[in-house]
Amino acid sequence: MLAPAAGPAMPRINEPAPDFSAKTTHGDRRLADYKGKWLVLFSHPADFTPVCTTEFVGFANASAEFKAINCELLGLSIDSIYSHLAWVQNIKEKFGVEITFPIIEDLSMKVATAYGMIHPGASDTSAVRATFIIDDKGILRAMVYYPMTNGRSVPEVLRLVRALQTSLTHGVATPEAWQPGDKVIVGSPKTMAEVEKRLTEGLETTDWYFTVKDLA
């Protein structure tokens, strides 16, 4: 029995994000243009579709919150620049929302393929709903995929960026549904000596492997 043909390599968390150079509604963009800033790169199946429209409205409404944490937004679909521009104008006219972030034209599917956005089981010509969070050094820190039928939660994307920034800055983990101001999780001890030390550190330790604390 023949083994299935290997598909394009998927990007991997904690490794450099795939480089790209592309035309967008705001001119040419490269990954290097975002050095020093966090980036949420998100794909959608097609312009002028209902679910995608709700997502773009959601990202646009939250754009100031992303900028406040040094994070830029960048959309992508296989559609042309002209389709993107017409859709952006339509959203402004019909929904009263201005899309202020760029949208990549990816007719060649080069960016979509490099990031594993094309899933043949879903469509051969449309990018699925994929979200990639890239840190200020160009390292891929998270990726989330949704089917074409269901929209993303923009507040969850924003929450995840904040959580990742907190973990990288303070060397901690964050629990389920963590929000800024909540307690964070301290790494578990790895030796018996560290276990004994942990139990005497005065932290909020439920058991030797589970410790939380407030950030100073």
Protein backbone atom coordinates (compact mmCIF):
# COMPACT_ATOMS: atom_id res chain seq x y z
CA MET A 1 0.00 0.00 0.00
CA LEU A 2 1.39 3.38 -0.99
CA ALA A 3 1.90 5.97 1.69
CA PRO A 4 -0.09 9.18 1.24
CA ALA A 5 1.76 11.97 -0.51
CA ALA A 6 3.39 14.39 1.86
CA GLY A 7 1.75 17.80 1.98
CA PRO A 8 3.46 21.13 2.59
CA ALA A 9 5.25 21.45 5.93
CA MET A 10 3.17 23.05 8.64
CA PRO A 11 4.60 25.95 10.63
CA ARG A 12 5.54 25.05 14.18
CA ILE A 13 5.05 26.85 17.46
CA ASN A 14 8.16 28.43 19.00
CA GLU A 15 9.99 28.43 15.65
CA PRO A 16 10.45 31.36 13.22
CA ALA A 17 7.23 32.12 11.36
CA PRO A 18 7.36 31.49 7.59
CA ASP A 19 8.64 34.57 5.81
CA PHE A 20 6.40 36.28 3.28
CA SER A 21 6.24 39.22 0.90
CA ALA A 22 2.81 40.12 -0.44
CA LYS A 23 0.58 42.81 -1.89
CA THR A 24 -2.04 44.16 0.52
CA THR A 25 -4.73 46.81 0.60
CA HIS A 26 -2.14 49.05 2.30
CA GLY A 27 0.69 48.37 -0.13
CA ASP A 28 3.42 45.73 -0.05
CA ARG A 29 4.03 43.99 3.27
CA ARG A 30 6.74 41.61 4.47
CA LEU A 31 7.04 39.75 7.74
CA ALA A 32 10.15 41.84 8.47
CA ASP A 33 7.98 44.97 8.46
CA TYR A 34 6.49 43.81 11.75
CA LYS A 35 9.77 43.30 13.59
CA GLY A 36 9.46 44.81 17.06
CA LYS A 37 5.68 44.31 17.06
CA TRP A 38 3.41 41.36 17.68
CA LEU A 39 1.30 40.26 14.72
CA VAL A 40 -2.02 38.46 14.37
CA LEU A 41 -2.13 37.02 10.85
CA PHE A 42 -5.56 35.58 10.12
CA SER A 43 -7.05 34.02 7.00
CA HIS A 44 -10.65 33.83 5.82
CA PRO A 45 -12.23 31.71 3.06
CA ALA A 46 -13.54 34.53 0.87
CA ASP A 47 -14.60 38.17 0.69
CA PHE A 48 -18.31 39.07 0.74
CA THR A 49 -19.23 36.09 2.93
CA PRO A 50 -21.38 36.50 6.07
CA VAL A 51 -19.20 34.79 8.69
CA CYS A 52 -16.04 36.50 7.43
CA THR A 53 -17.80 39.86 7.53
CA THR A 54 -18.66 39.42 11.21
CA GLU A 55 -15.04 38.53 11.96
CA PHE A 56 -13.65 41.56 10.14
CA VAL A 57 -16.10 43.81 11.96
CA GLY A 58 -14.99 42.22 15.24
CA PHE A 59 -11.28 42.66 14.52
CA ALA A 60 -11.83 46.23 13.35
CA ASN A 61 -13.75 47.13 16.51
CA ALA A 62 -10.95 45.70 18.65
CA SER A 63 -8.06 47.13 16.62
CA ALA A 64 -7.28 49.86 19.17
CA GLU A 65 -7.01 47.24 21.92
CA PHE A 66 -4.55 45.23 19.84
CA LYS A 67 -2.49 48.35 19.10
CA ALA A 68 -2.42 49.17 22.82
CA ILE A 69 -0.49 45.93 23.44
CA ASN A 70 1.91 46.48 20.50
CA CYS A 71 0.07 44.06 18.23
CA GLU A 72 -0.83 44.57 14.56
CA LEU A 73 -3.56 42.84 12.53
CA LEU A 74 -3.14 41.40 9.03
CA GLY A 75 -5.88 39.59 7.11
CA LEU A 76 -5.54 37.23 4.17
CA SER A 77 -7.66 35.47 1.58
CA ILE A 78 -7.15 34.10 -1.92
CA ASP A 79 -9.20 36.99 -3.36
CA SER A 80 -7.72 39.86 -5.37
CA ILE A 81 -6.85 43.33 -4.13
CA TYR A 82 -9.84 44.68 -6.07
CA SER A 83 -12.19 42.29 -4.28
CA HIS A 84 -10.66 43.24 -0.92
CA LEU A 85 -11.05 46.95 -1.62
CA ALA A 86 -14.67 46.53 -2.71
CA TRP A 87 -15.47 44.44 0.37
CA VAL A 88 -13.80 46.93 2.73
CA GLN A 89 -15.88 49.70 1.18
CA ASN A 90 -19.02 47.57 1.44
CA ILE A 91 -18.41 46.93 5.16
CA LYS A 92 -17.98 50.66 5.71
CA GLU A 93 -21.17 51.51 3.82
CA LYS A 94 -23.42 48.72 5.09
CA PHE A 95 -22.11 48.13 8.62
CA GLY A 96 -20.59 51.50 9.47
CA VAL A 97 -17.21 49.95 10.34
CA GLU A 98 -13.89 51.00 8.82
CA ILE A 99 -11.32 48.24 8.27
CA THR A 100 -8.03 49.94 9.16
CA PHE A 101 -5.69 46.95 8.89
CA PRO A 102 -4.21 45.51 5.65
CA ILE A 103 -5.56 42.46 3.81
CA ILE A 104 -3.17 40.29 1.79
CA GLU A 105 -3.95 39.38 -1.82
CA ASP A 106 -2.84 35.76 -2.13
CA LEU A 107 -3.98 34.66 -5.59
CA SER A 108 -0.85 32.50 -5.92
CA MET A 109 -1.64 30.89 -2.54
CA LYS A 110 2.04 31.16 -1.58
CA VAL A 111 1.42 32.63 1.85
CA ALA A 112 -1.59 30.40 2.51
CA THR A 113 0.42 27.32 1.57
CA ALA A 114 3.45 28.31 3.66
CA TYR A 115 1.22 28.71 6.71
CA GLY A 116 -0.87 25.58 6.11
CA MET A 117 -4.07 27.55 5.49
CA ILE A 118 -5.23 25.39 2.57
CA HIS A 119 -6.98 22.21 3.69
CA PRO A 120 -8.09 20.13 0.68
CA GLY A 121 -10.76 18.41 2.76
CA ALA A 122 -12.39 21.81 3.23
CA SER A 123 -11.60 23.48 -0.11
CA ASP A 124 -8.87 23.40 -2.74
CA THR A 125 -9.06 27.12 -3.42
CA SER A 126 -9.99 28.81 -0.13
CA ALA A 127 -8.03 29.37 3.04
CA VAL A 128 -9.67 27.98 6.18
CA ARG A 129 -10.09 30.22 9.22
CA ALA A 130 -6.56 30.10 10.58
CA THR A 131 -5.09 32.48 13.13
CA PHE A 132 -1.35 32.85 13.75
CA ILE A 133 0.13 34.87 16.60
CA ILE A 134 3.72 35.94 15.91
CA ASP A 135 5.82 37.68 18.53
CA ASP A 136 7.95 40.81 18.15
CA LYS A 137 10.97 38.72 17.15
CA GLY A 138 9.18 36.85 14.36
CA ILE A 139 8.61 33.65 16.35
CA LEU A 140 5.31 31.82 15.92
CA ARG A 141 3.74 31.54 19.37
CA ALA A 142 0.25 30.17 18.68
CA MET A 143 -1.97 28.98 15.85
CA VAL A 144 -5.68 28.20 15.91
CA TYR A 145 -7.84 26.71 13.13
CA TYR A 146 -11.61 26.98 12.69
CA PRO A 147 -13.86 25.38 10.08
CA MET A 148 -15.44 27.54 7.39
CA THR A 149 -18.84 27.38 9.07
CA ASN A 150 -17.90 28.95 12.41
CA GLY A 151 -16.49 32.35 13.25
CA ARG A 152 -13.63 33.08 15.62
CA SER A 153 -13.91 34.88 18.93
CA VAL A 154 -11.94 38.11 18.62
CA PRO A 155 -11.89 38.63 22.42
CA GLU A 156 -10.25 35.20 22.74
CA VAL A 157 -7.56 36.12 20.21
CA LEU A 158 -6.89 39.32 22.16
CA ARG A 159 -6.84 37.40 25.44
CA LEU A 160 -4.37 34.88 24.01
CA VAL A 161 -1.98 37.59 22.83
CA ARG A 162 -2.03 39.13 26.32
CA ALA A 163 -1.47 35.74 27.93
CA LEU A 164 1.46 34.92 25.64
CA GLN A 165 3.06 38.29 26.32
CA THR A 166 2.68 37.72 30.06
CA SER A 167 4.20 34.23 29.90
CA LEU A 168 7.20 35.37 27.87
CA THR A 169 7.83 38.46 29.99
CA HIS A 170 7.50 36.82 33.40
CA GLY A 171 8.40 33.18 32.73
CA VAL A 172 5.04 31.88 33.96
CA ALA A 173 2.05 29.97 32.60
CA THR A 174 -1.57 31.13 32.62
CA PRO A 175 -4.60 29.07 33.66
CA GLU A 176 -7.86 28.48 31.80
CA ALA A 177 -9.65 31.72 30.89
CA TRP A 178 -6.84 33.84 32.38
CA GLN A 179 -7.27 37.60 32.15
CA PRO A 180 -4.82 40.39 33.05
CA GLY A 181 -4.81 40.79 36.82
CA ASP A 182 -5.57 37.11 37.50
CA LYS A 183 -3.09 34.86 39.26
CA VAL A 184 -0.50 33.09 37.12
CA ILE A 185 0.93 29.57 37.40
CA VAL A 186 4.48 29.01 38.59
CA GLY A 187 6.45 26.24 36.90
CA SER A 188 6.43 22.86 38.66
CA PRO A 189 9.56 21.68 40.54
CA LYS A 190 11.76 19.20 38.67
CA THR A 191 13.81 17.72 41.52
CA MET A 192 13.12 16.64 45.10
CA ALA A 193 15.21 19.56 46.32
CA GLU A 194 13.02 21.95 44.36
CA VAL A 195 9.89 20.27 45.74
CA GLU A 196 11.07 20.80 49.31
CA LYS A 197 11.99 24.41 48.54
CA ARG A 198 8.63 25.08 46.89
CA LEU A 199 6.73 23.94 49.98
CA THR A 200 8.59 26.52 52.09
CA GLU A 201 8.50 29.49 49.70
CA GLY A 202 5.24 30.92 51.05
CA LEU A 203 3.53 30.87 47.67
CA GLU A 204 -0.08 29.83 47.09
CA THR A 205 0.67 26.13 46.71
CA THR A 206 -2.25 23.68 46.53
CA ASP A 207 0.17 20.78 46.14
CA TRP A 208 3.85 20.50 45.19
CA TYR A 209 3.08 20.61 41.46
CA PHE A 210 0.42 23.36 41.52
CA THR A 211 1.39 26.88 42.58
CA VAL A 212 -0.12 30.22 41.65
CA LYS A 213 0.88 33.77 42.46
CA ASP A 214 0.02 37.38 41.74
CA LEU A 215 2.29 39.27 39.38
CA ALA A 216 4.09 42.10 41.13
